Amino acid sequence: MKVSLSILTADFANMESSLKEALSSTDYVHMDIMDGEFVPNISIGPAFVKSIRKITDKPFDTHLMIMHPQNYIKQFVDAGSQYITFHVEADCDVLKTIDLIHSYNIGAGISIKPKTKVEEIKEYLPYVDMVLVMSVEPGFGGQSFMMDSIEKVEELCKLRKENHYSYLINIDGGIKDTTAPYIAKYVDLAVSGSYVCNADNPKERIDILHAIK
């Protein structure tokens, strides 16, 4: 299981220094993009993502929690994203948005909220490079892990094997040393934010997650 570091709870005033150790150990950097419409909060935009690109060459896993993701794909591609994930619940044509992301030669992902069933995205699984399961309600950092998300990543793992799909399975929300063991054997990467960013030794926390089987 690889780790995607969410910077949502990092110290924005001292971003480079506060993330230095964590960035050296993480596999991906997870960008939480919120528009205040699809979710209640507003977070960061393409200019901020581009500024983080200057301090790391780690792949950007950009998660669009926005109502109309199709209108912002190019901006986040230009900002340095390697994967762009949008929500199946957003107001967009899912297949056209996947195709748009692919037209920029980067990975396309779809995400589901806690109340959305895997069944609702089965038709899109042959076309995506990543599936992101939200194990908390999107829009806020520091929430507790929802145990029913375990069944979703297990189902996605089974579907991938049965159909010879190639998507990565990602999970986001409440991932730490006590919750990661439940999902580690089913996912390819896990997003962790406050567990890492709020620690005295962020690198040690990432090493702990890497060691979980």
Protein backbone atom coordinates (compact mmCIF):
# COMPACT_ATOMS: atom_id res chain seq x y z
CA MET A 1 0.00 0.00 0.00
CA LYS A 2 1.41 3.33 -1.09
CA VAL A 3 0.68 6.61 0.66
CA SER A 4 -0.80 9.75 -0.85
CA LEU A 5 -0.15 12.70 1.44
CA SER A 6 -3.10 15.07 1.80
CA ILE A 7 -1.87 18.59 2.47
CA LEU A 8 -5.30 19.90 3.52
CA THR A 9 -4.31 20.06 7.19
CA ALA A 10 -0.72 21.23 6.64
CA ASP A 11 0.57 24.62 7.78
CA PHE A 12 -0.20 26.74 4.72
CA ALA A 13 1.87 29.64 6.01
CA ASN A 14 5.00 27.48 6.12
CA MET A 15 4.14 24.89 3.50
CA GLU A 16 7.61 24.00 2.24
CA SER A 17 9.25 23.67 5.65
CA SER A 18 6.29 21.91 7.27
CA LEU A 19 6.05 19.31 4.49
CA LYS A 20 9.74 18.76 3.81
CA GLU A 21 10.11 15.45 5.67
CA ALA A 22 6.71 14.10 4.66
CA LEU A 23 7.28 14.88 0.99
CA SER A 24 10.51 12.92 1.03
CA SER A 25 8.66 9.76 2.14
CA THR A 26 5.25 9.94 0.51
CA ASP A 27 4.49 8.24 -2.80
CA TYR A 28 1.88 10.73 -4.03
CA VAL A 29 0.64 14.16 -3.01
CA HIS A 30 -3.14 14.42 -2.68
CA MET A 31 -4.68 17.76 -3.61
CA ASP A 32 -8.15 18.38 -2.17
CA ILE A 33 -9.97 20.85 -4.40
CA MET A 34 -13.26 22.17 -2.97
CA ASP A 35 -15.57 24.70 -4.59
CA GLY A 36 -18.01 25.60 -1.80
CA GLU A 37 -20.86 24.16 -3.89
CA PHE A 38 -20.31 20.42 -4.24
CA VAL A 39 -18.99 20.48 -0.66
CA PRO A 40 -19.48 23.26 1.93
CA ASN A 41 -15.84 24.35 2.12
CA ILE A 42 -13.52 26.13 -0.29
CA SER A 43 -9.89 25.01 -0.35
CA ILE A 44 -7.22 25.57 -2.98
CA GLY A 45 -7.01 26.26 -6.70
CA PRO A 46 -4.67 25.62 -9.64
CA ALA A 47 -2.23 28.39 -8.66
CA PHE A 48 -1.65 26.80 -5.27
CA VAL A 49 -1.20 23.34 -6.79
CA LYS A 50 1.33 24.80 -9.22
CA SER A 51 3.26 26.34 -6.31
CA ILE A 52 3.53 22.93 -4.61
CA ARG A 53 4.85 21.47 -7.85
CA LYS A 54 7.90 23.71 -7.39
CA ILE A 55 8.89 21.95 -4.16
CA THR A 56 8.36 18.28 -5.08
CA ASP A 57 8.45 15.96 -8.08
CA LYS A 58 6.10 13.42 -6.47
CA PRO A 59 2.99 12.57 -8.54
CA PHE A 60 -0.04 14.75 -7.84
CA ASP A 61 -3.27 12.91 -7.13
CA THR A 62 -5.74 15.79 -7.60
CA HIS A 63 -9.22 15.22 -6.18
CA LEU A 64 -11.88 17.57 -7.57
CA MET A 65 -14.70 17.94 -5.06
CA ILE A 66 -16.41 20.41 -7.35
CA MET A 67 -19.81 20.56 -9.03
CA HIS A 68 -18.59 21.06 -12.62
CA PRO A 69 -15.19 19.33 -12.89
CA GLN A 70 -15.23 19.36 -16.69
CA ASN A 71 -14.66 23.14 -16.60
CA TYR A 72 -11.38 22.92 -14.65
CA ILE A 73 -9.50 19.92 -16.03
CA LYS A 74 -7.01 21.87 -18.14
CA GLN A 75 -6.12 24.24 -15.28
CA PHE A 76 -5.17 21.35 -13.00
CA VAL A 77 -3.32 19.55 -15.78
CA ASP A 78 -1.29 22.72 -16.37
CA ALA A 79 -0.66 22.94 -12.61
CA GLY A 80 1.16 19.61 -12.71
CA SER A 81 -1.37 16.85 -11.93
CA GLN A 82 -0.62 13.25 -12.91
CA TYR A 83 -4.08 12.00 -11.89
CA ILE A 84 -7.32 13.95 -11.78
CA THR A 85 -10.23 12.38 -9.93
CA PHE A 86 -13.77 13.75 -9.99
CA HIS A 87 -16.99 12.64 -8.33
CA VAL A 88 -19.56 10.50 -10.07
CA GLU A 89 -22.14 12.55 -8.14
CA ALA A 90 -21.00 15.81 -9.80
CA ASP A 91 -22.95 17.63 -12.52
CA CYS A 92 -21.11 16.33 -15.58
CA ASP A 93 -21.13 13.68 -18.27
CA VAL A 94 -18.93 11.06 -16.63
CA LEU A 95 -17.59 9.38 -19.78
CA LYS A 96 -16.93 12.69 -21.54
CA THR A 97 -15.06 13.97 -18.49
CA ILE A 98 -12.95 10.80 -18.37
CA ASP A 99 -12.17 11.25 -22.06
CA LEU A 100 -11.28 14.90 -21.50
CA ILE A 101 -8.79 14.00 -18.77
CA HIS A 102 -7.28 11.29 -20.95
CA SER A 103 -6.92 13.77 -23.82
CA TYR A 104 -4.17 15.44 -21.75
CA ASN A 105 -2.33 12.11 -21.36
CA ILE A 106 -2.84 11.82 -17.62
CA GLY A 107 -4.74 9.36 -15.43
CA ALA A 108 -8.49 9.74 -14.94
CA GLY A 109 -10.19 8.75 -11.72
CA ILE A 110 -13.70 8.68 -10.33
CA SER A 111 -14.67 9.01 -6.69
CA ILE A 112 -17.71 7.98 -4.66
CA LYS A 113 -19.11 9.45 -1.47
CA PRO A 114 -19.88 7.22 1.53
CA LYS A 115 -23.56 6.84 0.56
CA THR A 116 -22.81 5.95 -3.09
CA LYS A 117 -22.62 2.25 -3.88
CA VAL A 118 -19.95 0.66 -6.09
CA GLU A 119 -22.80 -0.58 -8.29
CA GLU A 120 -23.34 3.01 -9.42
CA ILE A 121 -19.90 3.24 -11.04
CA LYS A 122 -19.54 -0.27 -12.50
CA GLU A 123 -20.16 0.90 -16.06
CA TYR A 124 -17.19 3.31 -15.83
CA LEU A 125 -14.64 0.91 -14.37
CA PRO A 126 -13.23 -0.25 -17.74
CA TYR A 127 -12.28 3.34 -18.61
CA VAL A 128 -10.65 4.75 -15.48
CA ASP A 129 -7.14 4.62 -14.07
CA MET A 130 -8.13 5.18 -10.45
CA VAL A 131 -11.16 4.74 -8.19
CA LEU A 132 -11.24 6.80 -5.00
CA VAL A 133 -13.47 5.60 -2.18
CA MET A 134 -14.33 8.28 0.37
CA SER A 135 -14.25 6.78 3.84
CA VAL A 136 -15.48 10.08 5.30
CA GLU A 137 -17.89 12.71 3.98
CA PRO A 138 -15.92 14.88 1.53
CA GLY A 139 -15.24 18.49 2.41
CA PHE A 140 -13.62 18.40 5.85
CA GLY A 141 -10.33 17.11 7.25
CA GLY A 142 -9.89 15.19 10.49
CA GLN A 143 -13.01 12.99 10.32
CA SER A 144 -13.30 9.42 11.60
CA PHE A 145 -12.98 6.43 9.26
CA MET A 146 -16.29 4.85 8.17
CA MET A 147 -16.07 1.08 8.49
CA ASP A 148 -18.52 0.30 5.68
CA SER A 149 -15.94 1.61 3.20
CA ILE A 150 -14.03 -1.66 3.73
CA GLU A 151 -16.72 -3.54 1.79
CA LYS A 152 -16.40 -1.08 -1.09
CA VAL A 153 -12.65 -1.46 -1.57
CA GLU A 154 -13.00 -5.22 -1.23
CA GLU A 155 -15.68 -5.21 -3.95
CA LEU A 156 -13.56 -3.01 -6.22
CA CYS A 157 -10.63 -5.36 -5.74
CA LYS A 158 -12.81 -8.35 -6.68
CA LEU A 159 -14.26 -6.62 -9.75
CA ARG A 160 -10.80 -5.65 -10.96
CA LYS A 161 -9.54 -9.19 -10.71
CA GLU A 162 -12.61 -10.78 -12.30
CA ASN A 163 -12.68 -8.37 -15.26
CA HIS A 164 -8.94 -7.80 -15.69
CA TYR A 165 -9.31 -4.06 -15.12
CA SER A 166 -6.26 -1.92 -14.40
CA TYR A 167 -7.50 0.91 -12.17
CA LEU A 168 -5.75 1.79 -8.94
CA ILE A 169 -7.86 1.58 -5.79
CA ASN A 170 -7.48 4.61 -3.55
CA ILE A 171 -9.17 5.44 -0.23
CA ASP A 172 -9.44 8.77 1.55
CA GLY A 173 -10.58 9.62 5.04
CA GLY A 174 -9.48 8.77 8.56
CA ILE A 175 -6.50 6.69 7.43
CA LYS A 176 -4.01 6.08 10.25
CA ASP A 177 -2.20 3.25 12.01
CA THR A 178 -5.40 1.83 13.55
CA THR A 179 -7.59 1.95 10.42
CA ALA A 180 -5.13 1.16 7.62
CA PRO A 181 -4.90 -2.57 8.56
CA TYR A 182 -8.57 -2.98 7.60
CA ILE A 183 -8.02 -1.86 4.01
CA ALA A 184 -4.32 -2.37 3.21
CA LYS A 185 -4.78 -5.67 1.37
CA TYR A 186 -7.46 -4.21 -0.91
CA VAL A 187 -6.05 -0.81 -1.90
CA ASP A 188 -3.06 0.36 -3.92
CA LEU A 189 -2.77 3.67 -2.14
CA ALA A 190 -4.32 5.44 0.80
CA VAL A 191 -4.68 9.14 1.46
CA SER A 192 -3.56 10.34 4.86
CA GLY A 193 -3.69 13.93 6.04
CA SER A 194 -4.03 14.94 9.68
CA TYR A 195 -2.45 11.69 10.93
CA VAL A 196 0.75 12.68 9.12
CA CYS A 197 0.67 16.48 8.95
CA ASN A 198 -0.23 17.01 12.61
CA ALA A 199 2.48 14.65 13.89
CA ASP A 200 5.79 15.69 15.45
CA ASN A 201 7.51 13.28 13.08
CA PRO A 202 5.52 13.09 9.79
CA LYS A 203 8.06 10.82 8.09
CA GLU A 204 7.74 8.26 10.87
CA ARG A 205 3.95 8.22 10.42
CA ILE A 206 4.29 7.57 6.69
CA ASP A 207 6.79 4.78 7.40
CA ILE A 208 4.23 3.21 9.75
CA LEU A 209 1.59 3.23 7.02
CA HIS A 210 4.03 1.77 4.47
CA ALA A 211 4.76 -1.14 6.81
CA ILE A 212 1.10 -2.16 7.19
CA LYS A 213 0.17 -5.25 5.19
